[in-house]
Amino acid sequence: MHKLTKENLPRHLAVIMDGNGRWAKQRMLRRIVGHQKGVETVRLIVEECSRLGISYLTLFAFSAENWLRPKTEVKALMALLKKYIRTEIARMMHNNIRFNVIGDRGELPVDINREIDAAIAQTAGNSGMLLTLALSYGARQEIVHAARQIAIDAASGKIAIDDINEGLFSDYLYTTRIPEPDFLIRTSGEMRISNFLLWQLAYTELYFTDVNWPDFDKNELAKAFRDYQSRERRFGKTSDQVQVSGTAVGDIPRQR
């Protein structure tokens, strides 16, 4: 088996945490039990990524489309989210982790936003891994929001039309100042992106596993990372060009 080495791990890992409900259904449990078990997995994977030296970890926690789920489930998820943020601050401080949220926070309940603000403020001075939760997040919505803001700034003369390129557009996304993901993991056997980081995933390595999120442990994470380390990231170049230039992980050319 290929040995996992710390030297060639992704700088930025993104995860679509899927399969909580499926995990619960297989055990004839309520869906919320699956979500509760999924939170335990979040805690485990966050700490392991921090230990391994991952610089950025972005977790798809609640999509813009998830608001369409039954109201009882949404209410339970919001309560679980509030409890997670409040109880994990001490752990984030201990592990030197910074906390961040992307998405349409205007859709989130006031008390959830209050907990988010507190967690962001309290962990702002940490220098370790940046943990980002995507909440009420949709990539298409993010892109439309960015385009609208660019149009407003162009109309007001803040930017010129000729200034608009990939780099400037990226700066208007929720993920500004965060490098694009090197590696995306999706659990539970689904092989789609589901409106997650559509712009940012342009050159990301994708990994799909049949394992449901509550069962995704350190061994499964190591297995995924070994798969990542076996790949060659070329960004449109040939293998010979990459070997000669020594293109580093995450060195995606961007216009400025």
Protein backbone atom coordinates (compact mmCIF):
# COMPACT_ATOMS: atom_id res chain seq x y z
CA MET A 1 0.00 0.00 0.00
CA HIS A 2 1.23 3.47 -0.90
CA LYS A 3 2.50 5.17 2.26
CA LEU A 4 0.92 8.46 3.23
CA THR A 5 3.46 11.28 3.37
CA LYS A 6 2.88 14.72 4.87
CA GLU A 7 4.96 16.39 2.17
CA ASN A 8 2.38 16.03 -0.61
CA LEU A 9 -0.96 16.54 1.08
CA PRO A 10 -3.54 18.95 -0.34
CA ARG A 11 -3.19 22.49 0.91
CA HIS A 12 -6.96 22.93 0.70
CA LEU A 13 -9.36 20.02 1.20
CA ALA A 14 -13.07 20.40 0.43
CA VAL A 15 -15.63 17.82 1.53
CA ILE A 16 -19.24 17.13 0.58
CA MET A 17 -20.42 15.32 3.69
CA ASP A 18 -23.15 13.05 2.35
CA GLY A 19 -24.95 10.00 3.70
CA ASN A 20 -26.10 10.90 7.21
CA GLY A 21 -29.73 10.10 6.42
CA ARG A 22 -28.79 6.95 4.53
CA TRP A 23 -26.65 5.78 7.44
CA ALA A 24 -29.61 6.25 9.81
CA LYS A 25 -32.09 4.56 7.47
CA GLN A 26 -29.87 1.49 7.15
CA ARG A 27 -30.05 1.16 10.94
CA MET A 28 -33.76 2.00 11.14
CA LEU A 29 -32.99 5.16 13.10
CA ARG A 30 -34.37 8.69 12.75
CA ARG A 31 -32.52 10.90 10.26
CA ILE A 32 -31.47 13.30 13.01
CA VAL A 33 -29.52 10.47 14.65
CA GLY A 34 -27.52 10.19 11.44
CA HIS A 35 -26.83 13.92 11.52
CA GLN A 36 -25.74 13.68 15.16
CA LYS A 37 -23.36 10.88 14.25
CA GLY A 38 -22.16 12.98 11.33
CA VAL A 39 -21.19 15.78 13.72
CA GLU A 40 -18.93 13.32 15.55
CA THR A 41 -17.24 12.58 12.23
CA VAL A 42 -16.80 16.30 11.59
CA ARG A 43 -15.00 16.63 14.90
CA LEU A 44 -12.75 13.66 14.09
CA ILE A 45 -11.86 14.79 10.56
CA VAL A 46 -11.28 18.41 11.57
CA GLU A 47 -8.81 17.38 14.25
CA GLU A 48 -7.05 14.89 11.96
CA CYS A 49 -6.69 17.44 9.16
CA SER A 50 -5.33 19.95 11.63
CA ARG A 51 -2.85 17.37 12.95
CA LEU A 52 -1.70 16.53 9.41
CA GLY A 53 -1.05 20.17 8.63
CA ILE A 54 -3.87 20.83 6.15
CA SER A 55 -4.06 24.62 5.78
CA TYR A 56 -7.68 24.93 4.62
CA LEU A 57 -10.65 22.62 5.21
CA THR A 58 -14.02 23.52 3.70
CA LEU A 59 -17.07 21.45 4.62
CA PHE A 60 -20.41 21.56 2.77
CA ALA A 61 -22.67 21.60 5.83
CA PHE A 62 -26.00 23.00 4.61
CA SER A 63 -26.88 23.90 1.03
CA ALA A 64 -29.20 26.62 -0.25
CA GLU A 65 -31.41 23.78 -1.50
CA ASN A 66 -31.55 22.13 1.94
CA TRP A 67 -34.07 24.76 3.03
CA LEU A 68 -36.57 22.75 0.96
CA ARG A 69 -36.34 19.79 3.35
CA PRO A 70 -39.15 19.14 5.87
CA LYS A 71 -39.37 22.00 8.39
CA THR A 72 -38.90 19.64 11.32
CA GLU A 73 -35.61 18.37 9.89
CA VAL A 74 -34.37 21.88 9.09
CA LYS A 75 -35.21 23.01 12.63
CA ALA A 76 -33.34 20.03 14.09
CA LEU A 77 -30.33 20.71 11.84
CA MET A 78 -30.21 24.36 12.91
CA ALA A 79 -30.30 23.32 16.57
CA LEU A 80 -27.50 20.83 15.93
CA LEU A 81 -25.47 23.47 14.10
CA LYS A 82 -25.89 25.97 16.93
CA LYS A 83 -24.78 23.40 19.49
CA TYR A 84 -21.77 22.37 17.35
CA ILE A 85 -20.47 25.91 16.92
CA ARG A 86 -20.92 26.76 20.59
CA THR A 87 -19.32 23.60 21.94
CA GLU A 88 -16.44 23.42 19.45
CA ILE A 89 -14.93 26.85 20.11
CA ALA A 90 -12.80 25.53 22.97
CA ARG A 91 -11.58 22.66 20.80
CA MET A 92 -10.77 25.04 17.95
CA MET A 93 -8.81 27.25 20.33
CA HIS A 94 -6.89 24.24 21.64
CA ASN A 95 -6.02 23.15 18.10
CA ASN A 96 -5.20 26.68 16.88
CA ILE A 97 -8.00 26.52 14.27
CA ARG A 98 -9.63 29.59 12.71
CA PHE A 99 -13.35 29.45 12.00
CA ASN A 100 -15.08 30.80 8.91
CA VAL A 101 -18.47 30.58 7.16
CA ILE A 102 -19.43 31.08 3.52
CA GLY A 103 -22.93 31.27 2.06
CA ASP A 104 -26.02 33.44 2.28
CA ARG A 105 -25.99 34.16 5.99
CA GLY A 106 -29.05 36.36 5.60
CA GLU A 107 -31.11 33.17 5.37
CA LEU A 108 -29.78 31.80 8.67
CA PRO A 109 -31.61 32.36 11.97
CA VAL A 110 -30.45 35.30 14.08
CA ASP A 111 -29.23 33.09 16.93
CA ILE A 112 -27.14 31.00 14.53
CA ASN A 113 -25.50 34.11 13.10
CA ARG A 114 -24.77 35.27 16.63
CA GLU A 115 -22.93 32.02 17.37
CA ILE A 116 -21.06 32.26 14.05
CA ASP A 117 -19.90 35.81 14.77
CA ALA A 118 -18.73 34.81 18.23
CA ALA A 119 -16.77 31.82 16.92
CA ILE A 120 -15.15 33.84 14.12
CA ALA A 121 -14.14 36.60 16.51
CA GLN A 122 -12.82 34.28 19.19
CA THR A 123 -10.69 32.22 16.80
CA ALA A 124 -9.52 35.12 14.60
CA GLY A 125 -6.14 35.27 16.31
CA ASN A 126 -5.34 31.61 15.69
CA SER A 127 -2.70 30.83 13.08
CA GLY A 128 -3.49 27.24 12.18
CA MET A 129 -5.94 25.59 9.80
CA LEU A 130 -8.87 27.63 8.48
CA LEU A 131 -12.07 25.64 8.96
CA THR A 132 -14.84 26.92 6.68
CA LEU A 133 -18.43 25.75 6.89
CA ALA A 134 -20.55 26.30 3.78
CA LEU A 135 -23.97 27.20 5.21
CA SER A 136 -27.03 28.15 3.18
CA TYR A 137 -24.54 27.92 0.33
CA GLY A 138 -25.10 27.45 -3.39
CA ALA A 139 -22.37 27.94 -6.00
CA ARG A 140 -24.67 29.27 -8.70
CA GLN A 141 -26.09 31.75 -6.22
CA GLU A 142 -22.54 32.74 -5.24
CA ILE A 143 -21.57 33.36 -8.87
CA VAL A 144 -24.72 35.43 -9.53
CA HIS A 145 -24.01 37.44 -6.37
CA ALA A 146 -20.45 38.10 -7.54
CA ALA A 147 -21.62 39.12 -11.03
CA ARG A 148 -24.18 41.50 -9.54
CA GLN A 149 -21.58 43.16 -7.29
CA ILE A 150 -19.15 43.52 -10.20
CA ALA A 151 -21.89 45.12 -12.29
CA ILE A 152 -22.66 47.57 -9.46
CA ASP A 153 -18.98 48.50 -9.05
CA ALA A 154 -18.50 48.84 -12.80
CA ALA A 155 -21.57 51.07 -13.12
CA SER A 156 -20.34 53.31 -10.30
CA GLY A 157 -16.88 53.59 -11.81
CA LYS A 158 -15.17 51.70 -8.99
CA ILE A 159 -13.75 49.25 -11.51
CA ALA A 160 -13.28 49.44 -15.28
CA ILE A 161 -14.72 46.87 -17.67
CA ASP A 162 -11.19 46.04 -18.81
CA ASP A 163 -10.27 45.18 -15.21
CA ILE A 164 -12.65 42.22 -15.17
CA ASN A 165 -10.77 38.92 -15.46
CA GLU A 166 -10.67 35.58 -13.63
CA GLY A 167 -8.64 36.95 -10.75
CA LEU A 168 -10.92 39.92 -10.13
CA PHE A 169 -14.02 37.73 -10.41
CA SER A 170 -12.55 35.34 -7.81
CA ASP A 171 -12.10 38.26 -5.43
CA TYR A 172 -15.87 38.85 -5.48
CA LEU A 173 -16.70 35.27 -4.45
CA TYR A 174 -17.36 34.21 -0.86
CA THR A 175 -13.98 32.43 -0.90
CA THR A 176 -11.87 35.50 -1.59
CA ARG A 177 -8.40 35.16 -0.02
CA ILE A 178 -8.87 31.37 0.22
CA PRO A 179 -6.92 29.29 -2.34
CA GLU A 180 -8.91 27.01 -4.61
CA PRO A 181 -9.32 23.42 -3.35
CA ASP A 182 -6.68 20.92 -4.37
CA PHE A 183 -8.81 17.93 -3.44
CA LEU A 184 -12.55 17.27 -3.08
CA ILE A 185 -13.96 14.27 -1.23
CA ARG A 186 -17.61 13.25 -1.53
CA THR A 187 -18.98 10.44 0.60
CA SER A 188 -21.96 8.05 0.23
CA GLY A 189 -21.46 7.00 -3.38
CA GLU A 190 -22.99 9.98 -5.14
CA MET A 191 -20.86 11.20 -8.06
CA ARG A 192 -21.86 14.81 -8.53
CA ILE A 193 -20.81 18.24 -7.28
CA SER A 194 -24.29 19.36 -6.16
CA ASN A 195 -23.82 23.11 -6.66
CA PHE A 196 -20.70 23.25 -4.48
CA LEU A 197 -17.77 25.58 -5.31
CA LEU A 198 -18.41 25.34 -9.06
CA TRP A 199 -15.96 28.12 -9.94
CA GLN A 200 -13.32 27.07 -7.42
CA LEU A 201 -13.27 23.37 -8.40
CA ALA A 202 -12.06 23.98 -11.96
CA TYR A 203 -8.74 22.15 -11.41
CA THR A 204 -9.55 20.24 -8.25
CA GLU A 205 -8.86 16.50 -7.98
CA LEU A 206 -12.12 14.65 -7.24
CA TYR A 207 -12.54 11.59 -5.03
CA PHE A 208 -15.78 9.66 -4.51
CA THR A 209 -16.31 6.94 -1.92
CA ASP A 210 -19.30 4.71 -1.13
CA VAL A 211 -18.68 5.18 2.60
CA ASN A 212 -21.40 7.21 4.32
CA TRP A 213 -20.18 10.27 6.15
CA PRO A 214 -20.80 8.93 9.70
CA ASP A 215 -18.48 6.00 8.88
CA PHE A 216 -15.78 8.14 7.27
CA ASP A 217 -12.91 7.81 9.75
CA LYS A 218 -9.15 8.48 9.85
CA ASN A 219 -8.42 5.35 7.84
CA GLU A 220 -10.80 6.44 5.09
CA LEU A 221 -9.26 9.91 5.08
CA ALA A 222 -5.77 8.40 4.78
CA LYS A 223 -7.00 6.18 1.93
CA ALA A 224 -8.31 9.25 0.10
CA PHE A 225 -5.07 11.15 0.65
CA ARG A 226 -3.03 8.23 -0.66
CA ASP A 227 -5.14 8.31 -3.81
CA TYR A 228 -4.49 12.05 -4.10
CA GLN A 229 -0.75 11.53 -3.72
CA SER A 230 -0.75 8.99 -6.55
CA ARG A 231 -2.04 11.59 -9.03
CA GLU A 232 -0.16 14.08 -11.19
CA ARG A 233 -1.69 17.54 -11.35
CA ARG A 234 -0.92 19.08 -14.74
CA PHE A 235 -3.25 22.11 -15.04
CA GLY A 236 -3.38 21.69 -18.82
CA LYS A 237 0.34 21.00 -19.24
CA THR A 238 2.01 17.75 -20.29
CA SER A 239 3.67 15.43 -17.78
CA ASP A 240 7.11 16.41 -19.10
CA GLN A 241 6.34 20.11 -18.62
CA VAL A 242 5.19 19.56 -15.04
CA GLN A 243 8.30 17.55 -14.19
CA VAL A 244 10.59 20.21 -15.68
CA SER A 245 8.82 23.21 -14.12
CA GLY A 246 8.13 21.51 -10.80
CA THR A 247 4.61 22.94 -10.58
CA ALA A 248 3.57 22.86 -6.95
CA VAL A 249 0.27 21.66 -5.58
CA GLY A 250 -2.24 24.49 -5.86
CA ASP A 251 -0.17 26.57 -8.33
CA ILE A 252 -3.11 27.30 -10.62
CA PRO A 253 -2.40 30.18 -13.02
CA ARG A 254 -4.84 33.03 -12.40
CA GLN A 255 -5.20 36.34 -14.16
CA ARG A 256 -4.68 39.51 -12.20
